[in-house]
Amino acid sequence: MTTLEIKFLVYEKWGSITAAARELHCSRSQLSYCIAKRRHSHELRSRLAAALDMRVEELFG
């Protein structure tokens, strides 16, 4: 998925990056970097994928 598609899913589920970060127990910037694929935190990617009922491979290919 593209960064924009992932952001859309996050906004659809939580309404904001900040709310999603709170739910995923990370900072807003950590989540933003993860979504933008600039930092590769396997743990955060796994939590995000699980929260969106997807596999890591589906989100980040």
N, C-alpha and C. Protein backbone atom coordinates (compact mmCIF):
# COMPACT_ATOMS: atom_id res chain seq x y z
N MET A 1 0.84 -1.19 0.00
CA MET A 1 0.00 0.00 0.00
C MET A 1 0.88 1.24 0.00
N THR A 2 0.34 2.30 -0.53
CA THR A 2 1.07 3.56 -0.50
C THR A 2 0.91 4.23 0.87
N THR A 3 1.75 5.19 1.13
CA THR A 3 1.68 5.95 2.38
C THR A 3 0.30 6.59 2.53
N LEU A 4 -0.21 7.14 1.46
CA LEU A 4 -1.52 7.79 1.50
C LEU A 4 -2.64 6.80 1.85
N GLU A 5 -2.58 5.61 1.29
CA GLU A 5 -3.59 4.59 1.59
C GLU A 5 -3.53 4.17 3.06
N ILE A 6 -2.33 4.03 3.59
CA ILE A 6 -2.19 3.65 5.00
C ILE A 6 -2.73 4.77 5.89
N LYS A 7 -2.39 6.02 5.57
CA LYS A 7 -2.90 7.16 6.34
C LYS A 7 -4.42 7.19 6.32
N PHE A 8 -5.01 6.92 5.16
CA PHE A 8 -6.46 6.90 5.05
C PHE A 8 -7.06 5.86 6.00
N LEU A 9 -6.47 4.67 6.06
CA LEU A 9 -6.95 3.63 6.96
C LEU A 9 -6.84 4.06 8.42
N VAL A 10 -5.73 4.71 8.75
CA VAL A 10 -5.53 5.19 10.13
C VAL A 10 -6.58 6.24 10.48
N TYR A 11 -6.79 7.22 9.59
CA TYR A 11 -7.79 8.26 9.85
C TYR A 11 -9.20 7.67 9.91
N GLU A 12 -9.47 6.68 9.09
CA GLU A 12 -10.78 6.04 9.09
C GLU A 12 -11.05 5.34 10.42
N LYS A 13 -10.03 4.69 10.98
CA LYS A 13 -10.22 3.94 12.23
C LYS A 13 -10.15 4.82 13.47
N TRP A 14 -9.16 5.74 13.54
CA TRP A 14 -8.93 6.51 14.76
C TRP A 14 -9.27 7.99 14.65
N GLY A 15 -9.34 8.52 13.45
CA GLY A 15 -9.65 9.94 13.29
C GLY A 15 -8.45 10.86 13.23
N SER A 16 -7.32 10.41 13.78
CA SER A 16 -6.09 11.21 13.72
C SER A 16 -4.88 10.33 13.98
N ILE A 17 -3.73 10.83 13.58
CA ILE A 17 -2.47 10.12 13.83
C ILE A 17 -2.20 10.08 15.33
N THR A 18 -2.50 11.18 16.01
CA THR A 18 -2.26 11.27 17.45
C THR A 18 -3.08 10.23 18.22
N ALA A 19 -4.35 10.10 17.87
CA ALA A 19 -5.21 9.12 18.53
C ALA A 19 -4.72 7.70 18.26
N ALA A 20 -4.29 7.44 17.04
CA ALA A 20 -3.76 6.12 16.69
C ALA A 20 -2.49 5.84 17.48
N ALA A 21 -1.62 6.84 17.60
CA ALA A 21 -0.38 6.67 18.34
C ALA A 21 -0.66 6.35 19.81
N ARG A 22 -1.63 7.04 20.39
CA ARG A 22 -2.00 6.74 21.78
C ARG A 22 -2.45 5.30 21.92
N GLU A 23 -3.28 4.85 21.00
CA GLU A 23 -3.80 3.48 21.03
C GLU A 23 -2.69 2.45 20.83
N LEU A 24 -1.71 2.79 20.01
CA LEU A 24 -0.62 1.86 19.70
C LEU A 24 0.58 2.02 20.64
N HIS A 25 0.44 2.90 21.63
CA HIS A 25 1.49 3.12 22.64
C HIS A 25 2.82 3.54 22.03
N CYS A 26 2.76 4.58 21.21
CA CYS A 26 3.97 5.15 20.62
C CYS A 26 3.74 6.65 20.44
N SER A 27 4.77 7.36 20.03
CA SER A 27 4.60 8.79 19.80
C SER A 27 4.03 9.03 18.40
N ARG A 28 3.48 10.22 18.22
CA ARG A 28 2.92 10.58 16.93
C ARG A 28 3.99 10.55 15.85
N SER A 29 5.17 11.04 16.18
CA SER A 29 6.25 11.07 15.18
C SER A 29 6.72 9.66 14.83
N GLN A 30 6.78 8.76 15.81
CA GLN A 30 7.16 7.38 15.51
C GLN A 30 6.17 6.76 14.53
N LEU A 31 4.89 6.98 14.77
CA LEU A 31 3.87 6.41 13.89
C LEU A 31 3.94 7.05 12.50
N SER A 32 4.13 8.35 12.45
CA SER A 32 4.24 9.03 11.15
C SER A 32 5.41 8.51 10.34
N TYR A 33 6.56 8.34 11.00
CA TYR A 33 7.73 7.81 10.30
C TYR A 33 7.48 6.37 9.85
N CYS A 34 6.80 5.60 10.66
CA CYS A 34 6.48 4.22 10.30
C CYS A 34 5.58 4.19 9.07
N ILE A 35 4.55 5.01 9.07
CA ILE A 35 3.61 5.07 7.94
C ILE A 35 4.32 5.54 6.68
N ALA A 36 5.21 6.52 6.83
CA ALA A 36 5.93 7.07 5.68
C ALA A 36 7.05 6.14 5.20
N LYS A 37 7.23 5.04 5.90
CA LYS A 37 8.22 4.01 5.55
C LYS A 37 9.66 4.53 5.63
N ARG A 38 9.88 5.51 6.52
CA ARG A 38 11.23 6.05 6.69
C ARG A 38 12.00 5.30 7.77
N ARG A 39 11.26 4.81 8.76
CA ARG A 39 11.90 4.02 9.82
C ARG A 39 11.20 2.68 9.86
N HIS A 40 11.99 1.64 9.99
CA HIS A 40 11.45 0.28 9.92
C HIS A 40 11.42 -0.36 11.30
N SER A 41 10.41 -0.03 12.08
CA SER A 41 10.21 -0.63 13.40
C SER A 41 9.27 -1.82 13.22
N HIS A 42 9.84 -3.02 13.28
CA HIS A 42 9.02 -4.21 13.06
C HIS A 42 7.90 -4.31 14.10
N GLU A 43 8.22 -3.98 15.35
CA GLU A 43 7.22 -4.07 16.41
C GLU A 43 6.05 -3.12 16.16
N LEU A 44 6.34 -1.89 15.80
CA LEU A 44 5.28 -0.91 15.54
C LEU A 44 4.48 -1.28 14.29
N ARG A 45 5.17 -1.74 13.26
CA ARG A 45 4.47 -2.19 12.05
C ARG A 45 3.52 -3.34 12.38
N SER A 46 3.96 -4.25 13.22
CA SER A 46 3.13 -5.40 13.61
C SER A 46 1.90 -4.94 14.37
N ARG A 47 2.09 -4.01 15.31
CA ARG A 47 0.95 -3.50 16.10
C ARG A 47 -0.05 -2.77 15.21
N LEU A 48 0.47 -1.95 14.28
CA LEU A 48 -0.41 -1.21 13.37
C LEU A 48 -1.19 -2.17 12.48
N ALA A 49 -0.52 -3.15 11.93
CA ALA A 49 -1.19 -4.12 11.06
C ALA A 49 -2.26 -4.89 11.82
N ALA A 50 -1.93 -5.33 13.03
CA ALA A 50 -2.90 -6.08 13.84
C ALA A 50 -4.12 -5.21 14.17
N ALA A 51 -3.90 -3.95 14.50
CA ALA A 51 -5.00 -3.05 14.84
C ALA A 51 -5.91 -2.81 13.63
N LEU A 52 -5.33 -2.87 12.43
CA LEU A 52 -6.12 -2.67 11.21
C LEU A 52 -6.61 -3.99 10.61
N ASP A 53 -6.41 -5.08 11.34
CA ASP A 53 -6.82 -6.42 10.89
C ASP A 53 -6.21 -6.77 9.54
N MET A 54 -4.93 -6.48 9.41
CA MET A 54 -4.20 -6.79 8.18
C MET A 54 -2.87 -7.44 8.55
N ARG A 55 -2.19 -7.94 7.54
CA ARG A 55 -0.84 -8.47 7.75
C ARG A 55 0.16 -7.36 7.42
N VAL A 56 1.34 -7.45 8.03
CA VAL A 56 2.40 -6.46 7.78
C VAL A 56 2.70 -6.38 6.29
N GLU A 57 2.74 -7.53 5.63
CA GLU A 57 3.06 -7.57 4.20
C GLU A 57 2.01 -6.84 3.37
N GLU A 58 0.75 -6.90 3.80
CA GLU A 58 -0.31 -6.20 3.08
C GLU A 58 -0.14 -4.68 3.18
N LEU A 59 0.24 -4.22 4.36
CA LEU A 59 0.40 -2.78 4.57
C LEU A 59 1.67 -2.23 3.95
N PHE A 60 2.77 -2.91 4.21
CA PHE A 60 4.07 -2.36 3.85
C PHE A 60 4.76 -3.08 2.70
N GLY A 61 4.12 -4.12 2.18
CA GLY A 61 4.57 -4.85 1.01
C GLY A 61 5.98 -5.23 1.03
